[in-house]
Amino acid sequence: MKILLQGRLEGALLERLESIVGDEHTFVTPGSREELIEEGKDVDIFYGYCSEDIFPHLPNIKWIQASSAGMDRHMYPAIRESDVILTNAAGLYATHVADQAFALLLGLARGIHDSVRNQDKHQWGRGKSPMIEIDGFKIGIVGMGGIGMQMAKRAKGFDMHVSAVDAYRTDKPDNVDELMPMDRLSDMMSRVDVVMIACPLTEETRGLINADNLSVMQPTAFFINVARGPIVNEPDLIEILRAGKIAGAGLDVTEIEPLPEESPLWDFDNVIISPHSAGGSQHRMRRVTEFFLDNLERYLKGEGLKNVVNKQLGF
């Protein structure tokens, strides 16, 4: 087997890879696109982001281990129609993405964004935002995968009542008070103090959040999206915010990234924007690479892989 890795490994991770590969298999870490295309001609296993323009240069590929959890960028026709096994990093980003969601919520609730703006101007004083205590909030989580589970865990630390909707999960986790099917989304959003998005981007979830369900939220409720921008109909969200129908929004993702300079979202006093940075962590690369190496051992032993993606569902 020939294994291609995007990015070089060092230290204990490199030693473990060398141990797994042994003398029977080989691995390469190309430093440029040109090297990747040349080396890819006889590659069996690919670790990293296999873009649509790279995939045709991997004629012998059998398994792709994506370094991301979301699979929307991998769902191009060539890979969906192929026999190539696709695995992802689902669950490995859950803790720090959930951290980001609560950082955005707390920033809005405690007026941190106002304080930062005042600090930039060397001004002492509170902003216009009311000071909100989130202890005892009702939270609604859209999607009960790894990220949703970590959101629920953190919510319970704030003594929140946790409601969730999920398209496929039916077993209610211990940290969730009520788990409902997706057709209860609007009902859930109408009853909670904060809505957090944690579902994958698929054809079914594109535009899932729109004027119909945003308009039923309470005027004191917050909206947080750390999943994917196109899950939200952004013009609808802008109009809801402009009309003052919700208390505010925390957005780590937007429909177009980078967010265009002319977007009205930049100028709302009750919006905090972070640049799709929720996936950042000092542990990120180690965790994902260790997961790949675990899966690589399984693959070379003929064992079943973890996190196999259903290419028809898109996750």
Protein backbone atom coordinates (compact mmCIF):
# COMPACT_ATOMS: atom_id res chain seq x y z
CA MET A 1 0.00 0.00 0.00
CA LYS A 2 1.09 3.57 -0.70
CA ILE A 3 -0.17 6.23 1.69
CA LEU A 4 -0.22 9.97 0.96
CA LEU A 5 -0.42 12.48 3.80
CA GLN A 6 -1.02 16.20 3.38
CA GLY A 7 1.43 17.70 5.85
CA ARG A 8 4.50 16.26 7.50
CA LEU A 9 4.51 14.42 10.80
CA GLU A 10 7.13 14.77 13.49
CA GLY A 11 8.09 13.17 16.78
CA ALA A 12 5.92 10.44 18.24
CA LEU A 13 3.32 10.67 15.46
CA LEU A 14 5.97 10.09 12.79
CA GLU A 15 7.48 7.23 14.76
CA ARG A 16 4.07 5.60 15.08
CA LEU A 17 3.37 6.00 11.36
CA GLU A 18 6.72 4.40 10.51
CA SER A 19 5.93 1.53 12.87
CA ILE A 20 2.52 0.94 11.30
CA VAL A 21 3.83 1.13 7.73
CA GLY A 22 6.92 -1.02 8.37
CA ASP A 23 8.78 -2.44 5.38
CA GLU A 24 5.65 -3.68 3.63
CA HIS A 25 4.08 -0.29 2.83
CA THR A 26 5.25 3.22 1.92
CA PHE A 27 4.14 6.75 2.67
CA VAL A 28 4.76 10.14 1.08
CA THR A 29 4.19 13.73 2.23
CA PRO A 30 4.31 15.89 -0.92
CA GLY A 31 5.25 19.51 -0.41
CA SER A 32 3.46 20.98 -3.43
CA ARG A 33 0.43 20.41 -5.61
CA GLU A 34 2.68 19.20 -8.42
CA GLU A 35 4.33 16.63 -6.15
CA LEU A 36 0.92 15.54 -4.88
CA ILE A 37 -0.35 14.92 -8.41
CA GLU A 38 2.80 13.00 -9.36
CA GLU A 39 2.80 10.88 -6.21
CA GLY A 40 -0.96 10.38 -6.43
CA LYS A 41 -0.75 8.20 -9.53
CA ASP A 42 -0.30 5.02 -7.48
CA VAL A 43 -1.64 6.06 -4.07
CA ASP A 44 -4.02 3.71 -2.25
CA ILE A 45 -4.75 5.79 0.89
CA PHE A 46 -5.14 9.56 1.18
CA TYR A 47 -5.13 11.58 4.42
CA GLY A 48 -6.20 15.23 4.32
CA TYR A 49 -8.56 17.25 2.14
CA CYS A 50 -9.09 15.59 -1.22
CA SER A 51 -10.52 18.39 -3.36
CA GLU A 52 -12.56 17.83 -6.51
CA ASP A 53 -9.66 18.85 -8.75
CA ILE A 54 -7.25 16.45 -7.00
CA PHE A 55 -9.49 13.36 -6.99
CA PRO A 56 -9.05 12.58 -10.75
CA HIS A 57 -5.29 12.34 -10.18
CA LEU A 58 -5.76 9.43 -7.74
CA PRO A 59 -6.76 6.59 -10.11
CA ASN A 60 -5.94 3.79 -7.63
CA ILE A 61 -7.35 5.39 -4.48
CA LYS A 62 -9.25 3.03 -2.18
CA TRP A 63 -9.75 5.03 1.02
CA ILE A 64 -9.75 8.73 1.90
CA GLN A 65 -9.48 9.81 5.53
CA ALA A 66 -10.68 13.41 5.62
CA SER A 67 -9.13 15.70 8.19
CA SER A 68 -12.43 17.55 8.63
CA ALA A 69 -15.69 16.62 10.33
CA GLY A 70 -18.03 18.35 7.88
CA MET A 71 -18.26 16.59 4.55
CA ASP A 72 -19.95 19.20 2.38
CA ARG A 73 -16.72 20.00 0.47
CA HIS A 74 -16.18 16.28 -0.23
CA MET A 75 -19.63 15.65 -1.65
CA TYR A 76 -18.78 16.22 -5.32
CA PRO A 77 -20.20 13.79 -7.92
CA ALA A 78 -16.98 11.91 -8.69
CA ILE A 79 -16.41 10.79 -5.13
CA ARG A 80 -20.08 10.14 -4.37
CA GLU A 81 -20.38 7.87 -7.39
CA SER A 82 -17.13 6.01 -6.71
CA ASP A 83 -16.39 2.94 -4.60
CA VAL A 84 -13.80 4.86 -2.58
CA ILE A 85 -14.29 4.56 1.18
CA LEU A 86 -14.57 7.98 2.82
CA THR A 87 -14.06 8.50 6.55
CA ASN A 88 -14.16 11.76 8.46
CA ALA A 89 -13.07 13.32 11.74
CA ALA A 90 -16.56 13.56 13.23
CA GLY A 91 -16.49 14.02 16.99
CA LEU A 92 -12.88 15.18 17.12
CA TYR A 93 -13.79 18.85 16.86
CA ALA A 94 -16.79 18.66 19.16
CA THR A 95 -15.27 20.05 22.35
CA HIS A 96 -13.71 23.21 20.95
CA VAL A 97 -16.58 23.95 18.54
CA ALA A 98 -18.98 23.73 21.49
CA ASP A 99 -16.62 26.03 23.42
CA GLN A 100 -16.88 28.56 20.60
CA ALA A 101 -20.68 28.38 20.62
CA PHE A 102 -20.78 29.20 24.32
CA ALA A 103 -18.11 31.88 23.94
CA LEU A 104 -20.35 33.60 21.38
CA LEU A 105 -23.41 33.19 23.59
CA LEU A 106 -21.64 34.53 26.68
CA GLY A 107 -20.12 37.37 24.68
CA LEU A 108 -23.58 38.48 23.59
CA ALA A 109 -25.28 37.89 26.93
CA ARG A 110 -22.63 39.70 28.99
CA GLY A 111 -21.96 42.51 26.54
CA ILE A 112 -18.32 41.52 25.98
CA HIS A 113 -18.45 42.76 22.39
CA ASP A 114 -19.45 46.23 23.62
CA SER A 115 -16.60 46.22 26.12
CA VAL A 116 -14.04 45.26 23.47
CA ARG A 117 -15.22 48.09 21.23
CA ASN A 118 -14.95 50.52 24.13
CA GLN A 119 -11.49 49.20 24.95
CA ASP A 120 -10.36 49.91 21.40
CA LYS A 121 -11.46 53.54 21.97
CA HIS A 122 -9.97 53.69 25.50
CA GLN A 123 -13.46 54.31 26.89
CA TRP A 124 -14.74 53.10 30.26
CA GLY A 125 -18.42 52.29 30.48
CA ARG A 126 -21.05 49.75 29.64
CA GLY A 127 -22.43 49.40 26.16
CA LYS A 128 -26.04 49.34 25.09
CA SER A 129 -26.46 45.59 25.54
CA PRO A 130 -28.42 44.42 28.60
CA MET A 131 -26.52 42.16 30.99
CA ILE A 132 -28.12 38.72 30.74
CA GLU A 133 -27.54 35.73 33.04
CA ILE A 134 -27.65 32.48 31.07
CA ASP A 135 -28.01 30.21 34.12
CA GLY A 136 -31.31 28.38 33.77
CA PHE A 137 -31.76 29.22 30.08
CA LYS A 138 -33.76 26.99 27.80
CA ILE A 139 -31.50 25.91 24.94
CA GLY A 140 -32.50 24.38 21.63
CA ILE A 141 -29.83 22.41 19.77
CA VAL A 142 -30.22 21.51 16.09
CA GLY A 143 -28.33 18.25 15.54
CA MET A 144 -27.30 15.68 18.11
CA GLY A 145 -23.99 14.51 16.76
CA GLY A 146 -20.68 15.03 18.54
CA ILE A 147 -20.90 18.82 18.61
CA GLY A 148 -24.53 18.83 19.74
CA MET A 149 -23.67 16.39 22.51
CA GLN A 150 -20.88 18.67 23.77
CA MET A 151 -23.21 21.67 23.62
CA ALA A 152 -25.71 19.77 25.76
CA LYS A 153 -22.97 18.84 28.24
CA ARG A 154 -21.95 22.48 28.64
CA ALA A 155 -25.56 23.60 28.83
CA LYS A 156 -26.13 21.36 31.83
CA GLY A 157 -23.21 23.09 33.54
CA PHE A 158 -25.34 26.24 33.35
CA ASP A 159 -28.41 24.39 34.65
CA MET A 160 -30.13 24.77 31.29
CA HIS A 161 -33.16 22.86 30.08
CA VAL A 162 -31.94 21.15 26.90
CA SER A 163 -34.19 20.50 23.92
CA ALA A 164 -32.86 19.10 20.67
CA VAL A 165 -34.00 18.06 17.22
CA ASP A 166 -32.28 15.50 15.02
CA ALA A 167 -33.23 13.93 11.71
CA TYR A 168 -31.98 10.42 12.53
CA ARG A 169 -31.23 10.02 16.22
CA THR A 170 -34.02 8.62 18.38
CA ASP A 171 -32.17 7.65 21.58
CA LYS A 172 -32.25 10.57 24.02
CA PRO A 173 -28.84 11.31 25.57
CA ASP A 174 -28.71 11.77 29.34
CA ASN A 175 -27.84 15.47 29.04
CA VAL A 176 -30.90 16.16 26.86
CA ASP A 177 -34.31 16.76 28.42
CA GLU A 178 -36.30 16.27 25.23
CA LEU A 179 -35.24 14.95 21.83
CA MET A 180 -37.60 15.60 18.94
CA PRO A 181 -37.73 14.91 15.18
CA MET A 182 -36.88 17.68 12.73
CA ASP A 183 -40.51 18.49 12.05
CA ARG A 184 -40.62 19.95 15.58
CA LEU A 185 -37.88 22.49 14.77
CA SER A 186 -40.13 25.57 14.73
CA ASP A 187 -41.89 24.46 17.88
CA MET A 188 -38.56 24.09 19.66
CA MET A 189 -37.24 27.42 18.41
CA SER A 190 -40.34 29.21 19.68
CA ARG A 191 -39.80 28.02 23.25
CA VAL A 192 -36.10 28.50 23.95
CA ASP A 193 -33.76 31.32 24.99
CA VAL A 194 -30.98 30.31 22.61
CA VAL A 195 -30.80 28.21 19.45
CA MET A 196 -27.47 26.57 18.57
CA ILE A 197 -26.81 24.96 15.19
CA ALA A 198 -24.79 21.73 15.23
CA CYS A 199 -26.03 19.75 12.22
CA PRO A 200 -24.04 18.95 9.05
CA LEU A 201 -24.60 20.79 5.79
CA THR A 202 -26.46 18.52 3.38
CA GLU A 203 -29.03 19.11 0.66
CA GLU A 204 -31.69 18.55 3.32
CA THR A 205 -30.26 21.12 5.76
CA ARG A 206 -29.33 23.83 3.23
CA GLY A 207 -31.54 26.80 4.11
CA LEU A 208 -33.05 24.86 7.03
CA ILE A 209 -33.05 27.99 9.19
CA ASN A 210 -35.16 30.66 7.50
CA ALA A 211 -37.77 33.34 8.08
CA ASP A 212 -40.43 30.78 8.96
CA ASN A 213 -38.64 29.44 12.04
CA LEU A 214 -36.55 32.51 12.92
CA SER A 215 -39.72 34.58 13.13
CA VAL A 216 -41.19 32.40 15.88
CA MET A 217 -38.21 32.90 18.20
CA GLN A 218 -38.70 35.00 21.29
CA PRO A 219 -37.48 38.61 21.01
CA THR A 220 -35.12 37.93 23.94
CA ALA A 221 -33.59 34.82 22.34
CA PHE A 222 -30.13 34.43 20.83
CA PHE A 223 -29.13 32.54 17.68
CA ILE A 224 -25.71 30.82 17.44
CA ASN A 225 -24.27 29.11 14.36
CA VAL A 226 -20.93 27.27 14.53
CA ALA A 227 -21.80 24.60 11.94
CA ARG A 228 -22.00 25.77 8.31
CA GLY A 229 -23.19 29.09 6.92
CA PRO A 230 -25.54 27.83 4.18
CA ILE A 231 -27.67 26.00 6.77
CA VAL A 232 -29.07 29.48 7.40
CA ASN A 233 -30.90 31.60 4.85
CA GLU A 234 -28.71 34.62 5.49
CA PRO A 235 -30.97 37.31 3.97
CA ASP A 236 -33.77 36.05 6.23
CA LEU A 237 -31.51 36.23 9.29
CA ILE A 238 -30.46 39.77 8.35
CA GLU A 239 -34.08 40.88 8.10
CA ILE A 240 -34.94 39.28 11.45
CA LEU A 241 -32.01 41.10 13.07
CA ARG A 242 -32.82 44.37 11.34
CA ALA A 243 -36.40 44.17 12.61
CA GLY A 244 -35.20 43.47 16.17
CA LYS A 245 -37.13 40.22 16.35
CA ILE A 246 -34.36 38.38 18.23
CA ALA A 247 -31.85 39.58 20.83
CA GLY A 248 -28.75 38.85 18.79
CA ALA A 249 -26.66 36.36 16.85
CA GLY A 250 -23.23 34.77 17.23
CA LEU A 251 -21.86 33.56 13.90
CA ASP A 252 -18.66 31.60 13.35
CA VAL A 253 -19.78 30.73 9.82
CA THR A 254 -21.51 32.66 7.05
CA GLU A 255 -23.07 31.85 3.70
CA ILE A 256 -20.09 33.31 1.83
CA GLU A 257 -16.65 33.15 3.44
CA PRO A 258 -14.88 35.43 3.95
CA LEU A 259 -17.97 37.47 4.78
CA PRO A 260 -18.18 40.21 2.12
CA GLU A 261 -17.25 43.70 3.30
CA GLU A 262 -20.65 45.03 2.27
CA SER A 263 -22.63 42.51 4.35
CA PRO A 264 -25.03 44.20 6.81
CA LEU A 265 -24.02 41.60 9.41
CA TRP A 266 -20.82 43.53 10.12
CA ASP A 267 -22.75 46.56 11.37
CA PHE A 268 -25.33 45.09 13.74
CA ASP A 269 -24.56 46.00 17.36
CA ASN A 270 -26.06 42.70 18.53
CA VAL A 271 -24.01 40.38 16.28
CA ILE A 272 -20.63 38.82 17.05
CA ILE A 273 -18.73 37.37 14.10
CA SER A 274 -15.73 35.05 14.33
CA PRO A 275 -13.93 33.94 11.13
CA HIS A 276 -14.81 30.22 10.97
CA SER A 277 -12.35 29.66 13.78
CA ALA A 278 -14.35 27.30 16.01
CA GLY A 279 -12.32 24.34 14.76
CA GLY A 280 -9.12 25.77 16.15
CA SER A 281 -7.45 24.04 19.11
CA GLN A 282 -3.95 23.30 20.34
CA HIS A 283 -4.98 19.64 20.29
CA ARG A 284 -6.57 19.58 16.83
CA MET A 285 -3.82 18.16 14.60
CA ARG A 286 -2.68 15.61 17.17
CA ARG A 287 -6.21 14.30 17.72
CA VAL A 288 -7.03 14.04 14.03
CA THR A 289 -3.71 12.44 13.12
CA GLU A 290 -3.97 9.94 15.96
CA PHE A 291 -7.45 9.05 14.73
CA PHE A 292 -6.10 8.52 11.20
CA LEU A 293 -3.29 6.31 12.50
CA ASP A 294 -5.81 4.25 14.49
CA ASN A 295 -7.91 3.83 11.36
CA LEU A 296 -4.81 3.06 9.28
CA GLU A 297 -3.92 0.18 11.60
CA ARG A 298 -7.47 -1.12 11.28
CA TYR A 299 -7.41 -0.82 7.49
CA LEU A 300 -4.10 -2.63 7.08
CA LYS A 301 -5.38 -5.43 9.35
CA GLY A 302 -8.59 -5.73 7.32
CA GLU A 303 -10.74 -4.45 10.18
CA GLY A 304 -13.72 -2.12 9.87
CA LEU A 305 -12.98 1.60 9.81
CA LYS A 306 -14.40 4.18 12.20
CA ASN A 307 -16.41 7.19 10.99
CA VAL A 308 -17.30 5.80 7.58
CA VAL A 309 -19.31 8.45 5.73
CA ASN A 310 -22.62 7.60 4.08
CA LYS A 311 -21.96 9.38 0.79
CA GLN A 312 -25.63 9.45 -0.10
CA LEU A 313 -26.60 11.17 3.14
CA GLY A 314 -23.53 13.40 3.11
CA PHE A 315 -22.22 12.64 6.61
